[in-house]
Protein backbone atom coordinates (compact mmCIF):
# COMPACT_ATOMS: atom_id res chain seq x y z
CA GLN A 1 0.00 0.00 0.00
CA VAL A 2 1.50 3.28 -1.13
CA GLN A 3 1.42 6.09 1.41
CA LEU A 4 2.70 9.66 1.41
CA VAL A 5 2.86 11.28 4.82
CA GLU A 6 3.59 14.99 4.98
CA SER A 7 4.67 16.66 8.21
CA GLY A 8 6.33 19.77 9.58
CA GLY A 9 3.66 22.36 8.98
CA GLY A 10 2.43 24.81 11.56
CA LEU A 11 1.67 28.41 12.42
CA VAL A 12 4.50 30.86 11.86
CA GLN A 13 4.86 34.62 11.63
CA ALA A 14 5.76 36.30 8.39
CA GLY A 15 9.49 36.07 7.83
CA GLY A 16 9.75 32.78 9.67
CA SER A 17 10.84 29.36 8.46
CA LEU A 18 9.50 25.83 8.35
CA ARG A 19 10.88 22.55 7.06
CA LEU A 20 8.42 20.11 5.60
CA SER A 21 9.05 16.39 5.20
CA CYS A 22 7.29 13.82 3.05
CA ALA A 23 7.84 10.17 3.87
CA VAL A 24 6.91 7.72 1.14
CA SER A 25 6.19 4.07 1.84
CA GLY A 26 5.06 1.19 -0.31
CA THR A 27 7.10 2.31 -3.30
CA ILE A 28 10.44 3.89 -4.08
CA ILE A 29 11.06 7.47 -5.15
CA ARG A 30 14.41 6.78 -6.77
CA GLY A 31 14.24 7.50 -10.48
CA ASN A 32 11.14 9.68 -10.17
CA ALA A 33 10.80 13.43 -10.25
CA MET A 34 9.15 14.53 -7.01
CA GLY A 35 7.33 17.73 -6.22
CA TRP A 36 5.78 19.79 -3.49
CA TYR A 37 2.32 21.12 -4.18
CA ARG A 38 0.08 23.47 -2.24
CA GLN A 39 -3.58 24.30 -2.19
CA ALA A 40 -4.92 27.46 -0.63
CA PRO A 41 -8.60 27.86 0.25
CA GLY A 42 -10.68 28.41 -2.88
CA LYS A 43 -7.72 27.86 -5.18
CA GLN A 44 -6.46 25.01 -7.32
CA ARG A 45 -3.56 22.86 -6.23
CA GLU A 46 -0.31 24.19 -7.65
CA LEU A 47 3.18 22.80 -8.04
CA VAL A 48 5.63 25.01 -6.16
CA ALA A 49 8.87 23.01 -6.31
CA GLN A 50 10.16 19.93 -8.06
CA ILE A 51 13.33 17.88 -8.04
CA THR A 52 14.33 15.42 -10.73
CA SER A 53 15.98 12.06 -10.18
CA SER A 54 19.27 13.78 -11.00
CA TYR A 55 18.61 16.45 -8.36
CA ARG A 56 17.80 19.27 -10.73
CA THR A 57 15.38 21.68 -9.06
CA THR A 58 12.72 24.02 -10.39
CA TYR A 59 10.56 26.50 -8.48
CA ALA A 60 7.45 28.53 -9.05
CA ASP A 61 8.23 32.22 -9.37
CA SER A 62 6.29 32.94 -6.20
CA VAL A 63 8.68 30.88 -4.04
CA LYS A 64 11.96 31.16 -5.94
CA GLY A 65 14.81 32.21 -3.69
CA ARG A 66 12.86 31.35 -0.53
CA PHE A 67 12.07 27.62 -0.81
CA THR A 68 14.51 24.76 -1.30
CA ILE A 69 13.48 21.23 -2.22
CA SER A 70 15.69 18.23 -1.52
CA ARG A 71 15.42 14.48 -1.44
CA ASP A 72 16.91 11.43 0.23
CA ASP A 73 16.18 8.42 -1.95
CA ASP A 74 17.53 5.93 0.60
CA LYS A 75 15.09 7.27 3.20
CA ARG A 76 12.36 7.72 0.57
CA THR A 77 11.80 11.21 1.89
CA VAL A 78 11.40 14.58 0.19
CA TYR A 79 11.96 17.86 2.02
CA LEU A 80 10.93 21.47 1.55
CA GLN A 81 12.83 24.17 3.41
CA MET A 82 10.73 27.31 3.46
CA ASN A 83 12.33 30.60 4.51
CA ASN A 84 11.06 34.17 4.65
CA LEU A 85 7.49 32.91 4.68
CA LYS A 86 4.72 35.24 3.59
CA PRO A 87 0.98 35.22 4.40
CA GLU A 88 0.29 34.20 0.79
CA ASP A 89 2.19 30.97 1.43
CA THR A 90 -0.66 29.85 3.67
CA ALA A 91 -1.98 26.58 2.26
CA VAL A 92 -2.07 22.83 2.71
CA TYR A 93 1.16 21.40 1.34
CA TYR A 94 1.39 18.00 -0.35
CA CYS A 95 4.12 16.01 -2.00
CA ASN A 96 3.76 13.63 -4.93
CA ARG A 97 5.46 12.53 -8.09
CA VAL A 98 5.55 15.11 -10.85
CA PHE A 99 4.48 12.48 -13.38
CA SER A 100 2.21 9.46 -12.71
CA PHE A 101 0.72 10.68 -9.46
CA LEU A 102 0.52 8.41 -6.49
CA GLY A 103 -2.48 8.70 -4.18
CA TRP A 104 -2.45 11.99 -2.31
CA GLY A 105 -1.53 12.15 1.34
CA GLN A 106 -3.36 14.19 3.94
CA GLY A 107 -1.05 17.16 3.50
CA THR A 108 0.34 19.44 6.16
CA GLN A 109 -1.15 22.84 6.98
CA VAL A 110 1.09 25.88 6.79
CA THR A 111 -0.34 29.11 8.17
CA VAL A 112 1.64 32.34 7.99
CA SER A 113 0.41 35.26 10.03
CA SER A 114 1.17 38.86 9.13
């Protein structure tokens, strides 16, 4: 049974930092591009950061320079370091493959107060 479990969210003031983790079980992530997605209330889910199997990273313009995605294939875990958080970063954050989605996890709530 494939599971994605996101953790590390919370309430933080603007300018603060959080580190999200996504633990994958039931399958491997090695060889797959992985991404962090977020969904704010009333908005569609969007891809904010991705990392290829060769560790190349790409970011949405809204988070570039503030977020850093990384991965540990042996631990089957994907990370998202978020710095200089802004209120508009408030959302539920999910991880998944970039191609051939796995089932979605429950996500982790990030709330940034102004």
